Amino acid sequence: MLVPKKVKFRKAHTFRENAEKVGVESRGTKVSFGSFGLKTLDAGRIKSNQIESARKAIAHSMSKSGKIWTRIFPDHPYTQKPAEVKMGKGKGELQGYVAIVKPGRVLFEVDGVDETTAREILRKGGTKLPVNTKVVARL
């Protein structure tokens, strides 16, 4: 699982998503390293184990040909209180890390495989993620 080596604050403030004011991504919107990329259509939080699951699905489908780039990293901590605990008594314990993405962000890139294979590989990887995605080609 992906976790940052060091964080400035152990627990972060809750990231509130207002559906009308989510906006779109301004950075990381173009395929920069590979030939094909997996781009988000929704905003959301992607947990580190979901990123790893998608990466494994892509890597398994590619076998030994081609290269993969992961363009997101989970650096935002999230907390959770135990089940059946009363309200109050402070913030919950750290559960893991998430990557916060907005629409338009390129999540994964691949190179070294033909177009039909790349589209199928990235589609399989996109099924492991909690956001809607589409496959884009380098311009």
N, C-alpha and C. Protein backbone atom coordinates (compact mmCIF):
# COMPACT_ATOMS: atom_id res chain seq x y z
N MET A 1 0.84 -1.19 0.00
CA MET A 1 0.00 0.00 0.00
C MET A 1 0.88 1.24 0.00
N LEU A 2 0.38 2.29 -0.62
CA LEU A 2 1.10 3.54 -0.71
C LEU A 2 0.81 4.40 0.51
N VAL A 3 1.86 4.83 1.19
CA VAL A 3 1.73 5.76 2.31
C VAL A 3 2.90 6.74 2.25
N PRO A 4 2.67 7.99 2.65
CA PRO A 4 3.77 8.94 2.65
C PRO A 4 4.80 8.60 3.73
N LYS A 5 6.07 8.93 3.48
CA LYS A 5 7.12 8.65 4.46
C LYS A 5 6.91 9.48 5.72
N LYS A 6 6.47 10.72 5.53
CA LYS A 6 6.35 11.64 6.64
C LYS A 6 5.24 12.63 6.33
N VAL A 7 4.44 12.99 7.33
CA VAL A 7 3.40 14.00 7.14
C VAL A 7 3.56 15.08 8.20
N LYS A 8 3.18 16.31 7.84
CA LYS A 8 3.31 17.42 8.78
C LYS A 8 2.32 17.29 9.93
N PHE A 9 1.08 16.90 9.61
CA PHE A 9 0.06 16.70 10.63
C PHE A 9 -0.54 15.31 10.48
N ARG A 10 -0.65 14.60 11.60
CA ARG A 10 -1.10 13.22 11.58
C ARG A 10 -2.55 13.10 11.11
N LYS A 11 -3.42 14.02 11.57
CA LYS A 11 -4.83 14.01 11.19
C LYS A 11 -5.14 15.30 10.44
N ALA A 12 -5.82 15.16 9.31
CA ALA A 12 -6.16 16.34 8.50
C ALA A 12 -7.61 16.75 8.75
N HIS A 13 -7.92 17.97 8.37
CA HIS A 13 -9.30 18.43 8.44
C HIS A 13 -10.12 17.68 7.41
N THR A 14 -11.40 17.54 7.66
CA THR A 14 -12.29 16.85 6.73
C THR A 14 -12.39 17.64 5.45
N PHE A 15 -12.22 16.97 4.33
CA PHE A 15 -12.33 17.61 3.02
C PHE A 15 -13.79 17.52 2.59
N ARG A 16 -14.50 18.65 2.58
CA ARG A 16 -15.91 18.65 2.21
C ARG A 16 -16.06 18.94 0.73
N GLU A 17 -16.83 18.11 0.06
CA GLU A 17 -17.05 18.28 -1.37
C GLU A 17 -18.44 18.87 -1.59
N ASN A 18 -18.48 20.06 -2.12
CA ASN A 18 -19.74 20.67 -2.51
C ASN A 18 -19.94 20.36 -3.98
N ALA A 19 -21.00 19.67 -4.31
CA ALA A 19 -21.21 19.16 -5.67
C ALA A 19 -21.18 20.27 -6.71
N GLU A 20 -21.68 21.46 -6.36
CA GLU A 20 -21.70 22.55 -7.35
C GLU A 20 -20.35 23.22 -7.51
N LYS A 21 -19.49 23.10 -6.52
CA LYS A 21 -18.23 23.85 -6.53
C LYS A 21 -16.99 22.97 -6.57
N VAL A 22 -17.12 21.77 -7.10
CA VAL A 22 -15.98 20.87 -7.14
C VAL A 22 -14.92 21.40 -8.10
N GLY A 23 -15.33 21.89 -9.27
CA GLY A 23 -14.38 22.39 -10.26
C GLY A 23 -13.73 21.26 -11.01
N VAL A 24 -12.78 21.61 -11.84
CA VAL A 24 -12.04 20.62 -12.61
C VAL A 24 -10.56 20.75 -12.32
N GLU A 25 -9.83 19.70 -12.61
CA GLU A 25 -8.39 19.67 -12.36
C GLU A 25 -7.67 20.62 -13.31
N SER A 26 -6.64 21.29 -12.81
CA SER A 26 -5.85 22.18 -13.66
C SER A 26 -4.47 21.58 -13.95
N ARG A 27 -4.03 20.68 -13.10
CA ARG A 27 -2.72 20.04 -13.31
C ARG A 27 -2.92 18.56 -13.56
N GLY A 28 -2.01 17.96 -14.30
CA GLY A 28 -2.06 16.52 -14.54
C GLY A 28 -3.21 16.10 -15.41
N THR A 29 -3.58 16.92 -16.39
CA THR A 29 -4.74 16.62 -17.23
C THR A 29 -4.35 16.03 -18.58
N LYS A 30 -3.06 16.06 -18.91
CA LYS A 30 -2.61 15.55 -20.21
C LYS A 30 -1.77 14.30 -20.03
N VAL A 31 -1.77 13.44 -21.03
CA VAL A 31 -0.93 12.23 -21.02
C VAL A 31 0.50 12.70 -21.31
N SER A 32 1.38 12.60 -20.32
CA SER A 32 2.72 13.16 -20.43
C SER A 32 3.81 12.13 -20.67
N PHE A 33 3.67 10.94 -20.11
CA PHE A 33 4.76 9.97 -20.15
C PHE A 33 4.51 8.84 -21.14
N GLY A 34 3.32 8.27 -21.11
CA GLY A 34 3.00 7.13 -21.97
C GLY A 34 2.25 7.54 -23.22
N SER A 35 1.65 6.55 -23.87
CA SER A 35 0.87 6.80 -25.08
C SER A 35 -0.63 6.89 -24.78
N PHE A 36 -1.07 6.16 -23.75
CA PHE A 36 -2.49 6.13 -23.37
C PHE A 36 -2.61 6.34 -21.88
N GLY A 37 -3.72 6.98 -21.46
CA GLY A 37 -3.91 7.25 -20.05
C GLY A 37 -5.34 6.98 -19.62
N LEU A 38 -5.51 6.86 -18.30
CA LEU A 38 -6.82 6.67 -17.70
C LEU A 38 -7.18 7.95 -16.97
N LYS A 39 -8.25 8.62 -17.41
CA LYS A 39 -8.63 9.94 -16.91
C LYS A 39 -9.94 9.86 -16.14
N THR A 40 -10.05 10.62 -15.04
CA THR A 40 -11.29 10.61 -14.25
C THR A 40 -12.34 11.52 -14.87
N LEU A 41 -13.59 11.13 -14.69
CA LEU A 41 -14.71 11.96 -15.10
C LEU A 41 -15.44 12.55 -13.89
N ASP A 42 -15.15 12.02 -12.69
CA ASP A 42 -15.79 12.46 -11.45
C ASP A 42 -14.74 12.93 -10.46
N ALA A 43 -15.22 13.65 -9.46
CA ALA A 43 -14.37 13.99 -8.32
C ALA A 43 -14.55 12.90 -7.27
N GLY A 44 -13.54 12.68 -6.46
CA GLY A 44 -13.67 11.69 -5.40
C GLY A 44 -12.38 11.46 -4.66
N ARG A 45 -12.45 10.54 -3.73
CA ARG A 45 -11.28 10.14 -2.94
C ARG A 45 -10.94 8.72 -3.31
N ILE A 46 -9.70 8.47 -3.65
CA ILE A 46 -9.26 7.13 -4.03
C ILE A 46 -8.30 6.64 -2.95
N LYS A 47 -8.66 5.56 -2.28
CA LYS A 47 -7.83 5.01 -1.20
C LYS A 47 -6.58 4.36 -1.77
N SER A 48 -5.57 4.23 -0.92
CA SER A 48 -4.29 3.68 -1.36
C SER A 48 -4.43 2.23 -1.82
N ASN A 49 -5.32 1.45 -1.16
CA ASN A 49 -5.49 0.05 -1.59
C ASN A 49 -6.22 -0.04 -2.92
N GLN A 50 -7.07 0.93 -3.25
CA GLN A 50 -7.74 0.95 -4.55
C GLN A 50 -6.76 1.29 -5.66
N ILE A 51 -5.84 2.21 -5.38
CA ILE A 51 -4.80 2.55 -6.36
C ILE A 51 -3.93 1.33 -6.63
N GLU A 52 -3.55 0.64 -5.56
CA GLU A 52 -2.70 -0.55 -5.70
C GLU A 52 -3.43 -1.66 -6.45
N SER A 53 -4.72 -1.83 -6.19
CA SER A 53 -5.52 -2.85 -6.88
C SER A 53 -5.59 -2.57 -8.38
N ALA A 54 -5.82 -1.31 -8.74
CA ALA A 54 -5.87 -0.93 -10.15
C ALA A 54 -4.51 -1.12 -10.81
N ARG A 55 -3.45 -0.74 -10.10
CA ARG A 55 -2.09 -0.90 -10.64
C ARG A 55 -1.78 -2.37 -10.89
N LYS A 56 -2.17 -3.24 -9.96
CA LYS A 56 -1.93 -4.68 -10.12
C LYS A 56 -2.70 -5.24 -11.31
N ALA A 57 -3.96 -4.81 -11.48
CA ALA A 57 -4.77 -5.28 -12.61
C ALA A 57 -4.15 -4.87 -13.93
N ILE A 58 -3.64 -3.63 -14.00
CA ILE A 58 -3.00 -3.15 -15.22
C ILE A 58 -1.70 -3.91 -15.48
N ALA A 59 -0.89 -4.08 -14.43
CA ALA A 59 0.40 -4.77 -14.58
C ALA A 59 0.21 -6.23 -14.98
N HIS A 60 -0.79 -6.87 -14.40
CA HIS A 60 -1.05 -8.28 -14.72
C HIS A 60 -1.47 -8.44 -16.18
N SER A 61 -2.28 -7.52 -16.68
CA SER A 61 -2.74 -7.60 -18.06
C SER A 61 -1.63 -7.29 -19.06
N MET A 62 -0.68 -6.46 -18.66
CA MET A 62 0.40 -6.07 -19.57
C MET A 62 1.48 -7.14 -19.68
N SER A 63 1.51 -8.06 -18.76
CA SER A 63 2.57 -9.07 -18.62
C SER A 63 3.92 -8.36 -18.53
N LYS A 64 4.88 -8.70 -19.39
CA LYS A 64 6.21 -8.09 -19.27
C LYS A 64 6.45 -7.00 -20.30
N SER A 65 5.50 -6.79 -21.20
CA SER A 65 5.69 -5.76 -22.22
C SER A 65 5.12 -4.44 -21.72
N GLY A 66 5.76 -3.35 -22.08
CA GLY A 66 5.24 -2.03 -21.76
C GLY A 66 5.65 -1.52 -20.39
N LYS A 67 5.26 -0.28 -20.14
CA LYS A 67 5.60 0.41 -18.89
C LYS A 67 4.36 1.11 -18.36
N ILE A 68 4.28 1.22 -17.03
CA ILE A 68 3.14 1.84 -16.35
C ILE A 68 3.63 3.02 -15.52
N TRP A 69 2.86 4.11 -15.54
CA TRP A 69 3.11 5.25 -14.67
C TRP A 69 1.87 5.49 -13.83
N THR A 70 2.06 5.66 -12.51
CA THR A 70 0.98 6.03 -11.61
C THR A 70 1.11 7.52 -11.35
N ARG A 71 0.10 8.31 -11.73
CA ARG A 71 0.20 9.76 -11.67
C ARG A 71 -0.43 10.37 -10.41
N ILE A 72 -0.96 9.55 -9.51
CA ILE A 72 -1.54 10.08 -8.27
C ILE A 72 -0.86 9.40 -7.09
N PHE A 73 -0.88 10.09 -5.95
CA PHE A 73 -0.31 9.52 -4.73
C PHE A 73 -1.22 9.87 -3.55
N PRO A 74 -1.54 8.89 -2.71
CA PRO A 74 -2.42 9.16 -1.55
C PRO A 74 -1.65 9.83 -0.42
N ASP A 75 -1.85 11.12 -0.23
CA ASP A 75 -1.12 11.85 0.80
C ASP A 75 -2.05 12.56 1.79
N HIS A 76 -3.35 12.33 1.67
CA HIS A 76 -4.32 12.97 2.57
C HIS A 76 -4.82 11.92 3.57
N PRO A 77 -4.53 12.07 4.88
CA PRO A 77 -4.96 11.07 5.85
C PRO A 77 -6.46 11.14 6.11
N TYR A 78 -7.07 9.98 6.38
CA TYR A 78 -8.48 9.97 6.78
C TYR A 78 -8.62 9.14 8.05
N THR A 79 -9.60 9.55 8.87
CA THR A 79 -9.81 8.92 10.16
C THR A 79 -11.19 8.29 10.22
N GLN A 80 -11.38 7.40 11.21
CA GLN A 80 -12.67 6.76 11.38
C GLN A 80 -12.81 6.35 12.84
N LYS A 81 -14.00 6.57 13.38
CA LYS A 81 -14.25 6.13 14.76
C LYS A 81 -14.72 4.69 14.74
N PRO A 82 -14.48 3.94 15.80
CA PRO A 82 -14.93 2.54 15.84
C PRO A 82 -16.45 2.42 15.75
N ALA A 83 -16.92 1.25 15.43
CA ALA A 83 -18.35 0.99 15.33
C ALA A 83 -19.01 1.10 16.71
N GLU A 84 -20.23 1.62 16.74
CA GLU A 84 -21.06 1.71 17.94
C GLU A 84 -20.44 2.53 19.06
N VAL A 85 -19.75 3.62 18.68
CA VAL A 85 -19.17 4.53 19.67
C VAL A 85 -20.03 5.79 19.69
N LYS A 86 -20.30 6.32 20.89
CA LYS A 86 -21.15 7.50 21.02
C LYS A 86 -20.47 8.73 20.43
N MET A 87 -21.29 9.73 20.12
CA MET A 87 -20.78 10.98 19.55
C MET A 87 -19.89 11.69 20.57
N GLY A 88 -18.98 12.49 20.04
CA GLY A 88 -18.08 13.25 20.91
C GLY A 88 -16.82 12.47 21.20
N LYS A 89 -16.10 12.85 22.24
CA LYS A 89 -14.87 12.19 22.70
C LYS A 89 -13.74 12.26 21.68
N GLY A 90 -13.74 13.30 20.87
CA GLY A 90 -12.60 13.53 19.99
C GLY A 90 -12.70 12.87 18.62
N LYS A 91 -11.66 13.10 17.85
CA LYS A 91 -11.62 12.62 16.47
C LYS A 91 -11.16 11.17 16.45
N GLY A 92 -11.58 10.42 15.44
CA GLY A 92 -11.23 9.01 15.33
C GLY A 92 -9.77 8.78 14.99
N GLU A 93 -9.38 7.53 15.00
CA GLU A 93 -7.99 7.17 14.71
C GLU A 93 -7.73 7.12 13.21
N LEU A 94 -6.48 7.29 12.85
CA LEU A 94 -6.05 7.26 11.46
C LEU A 94 -6.33 5.88 10.86
N GLN A 95 -6.99 5.87 9.69
CA GLN A 95 -7.31 4.61 9.02
C GLN A 95 -6.44 4.38 7.79
N GLY A 96 -6.02 5.43 7.13
CA GLY A 96 -5.22 5.28 5.92
C GLY A 96 -5.10 6.60 5.20
N TYR A 97 -4.70 6.52 3.93
CA TYR A 97 -4.48 7.71 3.14
C TYR A 97 -5.27 7.63 1.84
N VAL A 98 -5.71 8.80 1.36
CA VAL A 98 -6.46 8.89 0.12
C VAL A 98 -5.83 9.92 -0.79
N ALA A 99 -6.06 9.75 -2.10
CA ALA A 99 -5.71 10.76 -3.09
C ALA A 99 -7.01 11.45 -3.48
N ILE A 100 -7.07 12.75 -3.35
CA ILE A 100 -8.26 13.51 -3.71
C ILE A 100 -8.12 13.94 -5.16
N VAL A 101 -9.06 13.51 -6.01
CA VAL A 101 -8.99 13.82 -7.43
C VAL A 101 -10.21 14.61 -7.87
N LYS A 102 -10.01 15.45 -8.87
CA LYS A 102 -11.09 16.21 -9.49
C LYS A 102 -11.25 15.70 -10.92
N PRO A 103 -12.34 16.05 -11.58
CA PRO A 103 -12.54 15.59 -12.96
C PRO A 103 -11.42 16.09 -13.87
N GLY A 104 -10.93 15.20 -14.73
CA GLY A 104 -9.90 15.56 -15.69
C GLY A 104 -8.51 15.09 -15.34
N ARG A 105 -8.32 14.54 -14.17
CA ARG A 105 -7.00 14.09 -13.73
C ARG A 105 -6.62 12.77 -14.39
N VAL A 106 -5.39 12.66 -14.89
CA VAL A 106 -4.89 11.41 -15.45
C VAL A 106 -4.33 10.58 -14.29
N LEU A 107 -4.86 9.37 -14.11
CA LEU A 107 -4.48 8.52 -12.98
C LEU A 107 -3.33 7.59 -13.33
N PHE A 108 -3.45 6.91 -14.46
CA PHE A 108 -2.44 5.94 -14.89
C PHE A 108 -2.10 6.19 -16.36
N GLU A 109 -0.87 5.86 -16.73
CA GLU A 109 -0.46 5.91 -18.13
C GLU A 109 0.27 4.63 -18.48
N VAL A 110 0.11 4.21 -19.73
CA VAL A 110 0.81 3.01 -20.21
C VAL A 110 1.47 3.31 -21.55
N ASP A 111 2.51 2.55 -21.84
CA ASP A 111 3.22 2.67 -23.12
C ASP A 111 3.82 1.32 -23.46
N GLY A 112 4.08 1.10 -24.75
CA GLY A 112 4.72 -0.14 -25.18
C GLY A 112 3.76 -1.23 -25.60
N VAL A 113 2.46 -0.92 -25.70
CA VAL A 113 1.47 -1.89 -26.18
C VAL A 113 0.62 -1.20 -27.25
N ASP A 114 -0.03 -2.01 -28.10
CA ASP A 114 -0.86 -1.43 -29.15
C ASP A 114 -2.15 -0.84 -28.58
N GLU A 115 -2.86 -0.08 -29.41
CA GLU A 115 -4.01 0.70 -28.92
C GLU A 115 -5.13 -0.15 -28.35
N THR A 116 -5.52 -1.22 -29.03
CA THR A 116 -6.65 -2.02 -28.55
C THR A 116 -6.30 -2.69 -27.21
N THR A 117 -5.07 -3.16 -27.10
CA THR A 117 -4.62 -3.77 -25.84
C THR A 117 -4.58 -2.74 -24.72
N ALA A 118 -4.04 -1.56 -25.01
CA ALA A 118 -3.94 -0.51 -23.99
C ALA A 118 -5.32 -0.09 -23.50
N ARG A 119 -6.27 0.05 -24.41
CA ARG A 119 -7.62 0.45 -24.02
C ARG A 119 -8.27 -0.61 -23.12
N GLU A 120 -8.08 -1.87 -23.44
CA GLU A 120 -8.64 -2.96 -22.63
C GLU A 120 -7.97 -3.03 -21.26
N ILE A 121 -6.65 -2.86 -21.23
CA ILE A 121 -5.88 -2.89 -19.98
C ILE A 121 -6.35 -1.76 -19.05
N LEU A 122 -6.45 -0.54 -19.57
CA LEU A 122 -6.85 0.59 -18.75
C LEU A 122 -8.31 0.50 -18.32
N ARG A 123 -9.16 -0.09 -19.16
CA ARG A 123 -10.55 -0.30 -18.78
C ARG A 123 -10.65 -1.23 -17.58
N LYS A 124 -9.83 -2.31 -17.59
CA LYS A 124 -9.80 -3.24 -16.44
C LYS A 124 -9.33 -2.54 -15.18
N GLY A 125 -8.32 -1.69 -15.31
CA GLY A 125 -7.83 -0.94 -14.15
C GLY A 125 -8.86 0.03 -13.62
N GLY A 126 -9.62 0.64 -14.53
CA GLY A 126 -10.65 1.61 -14.13
C GLY A 126 -11.80 0.99 -13.36
N THR A 127 -12.04 -0.31 -13.56
CA THR A 127 -13.13 -0.96 -12.82
C THR A 127 -12.81 -1.11 -11.34
N LYS A 128 -11.56 -1.00 -10.97
CA LYS A 128 -11.15 -1.13 -9.56
C LYS A 128 -11.27 0.18 -8.80
N LEU A 129 -11.60 1.27 -9.49
CA LEU A 129 -11.60 2.59 -8.86
C LEU A 129 -13.03 3.08 -8.58
N PRO A 130 -13.21 3.92 -7.56
CA PRO A 130 -14.55 4.39 -7.18
C PRO A 130 -15.05 5.58 -8.00
N VAL A 131 -14.33 5.98 -9.04
CA VAL A 131 -14.74 7.10 -9.90
C VAL A 131 -14.93 6.60 -11.32
N ASN A 132 -15.76 7.31 -12.09
CA ASN A 132 -15.92 6.98 -13.51
C ASN A 132 -14.68 7.45 -14.27
N THR A 133 -14.23 6.63 -15.21
CA THR A 133 -13.01 6.95 -15.94
C THR A 133 -13.21 6.77 -17.44
N LYS A 134 -12.28 7.32 -18.20
CA LYS A 134 -12.24 7.07 -19.64
C LYS A 134 -10.79 6.95 -20.08
N VAL A 135 -10.58 6.25 -21.18
CA VAL A 135 -9.23 6.06 -21.72
C VAL A 135 -8.97 7.16 -22.73
N VAL A 136 -7.82 7.82 -22.60
CA VAL A 136 -7.44 8.89 -23.52
C VAL A 136 -6.10 8.57 -24.14
N ALA A 137 -5.89 9.08 -25.36
CA ALA A 137 -4.64 8.88 -26.07
C ALA A 137 -3.83 10.17 -26.06
N ARG A 138 -2.54 10.03 -26.24
CA ARG A 138 -1.66 11.20 -26.29
C ARG A 138 -1.92 11.95 -27.59
N LEU A 139 -1.94 13.27 -27.52
CA LEU A 139 -2.19 14.07 -28.72
C LEU A 139 -0.93 14.32 -29.51
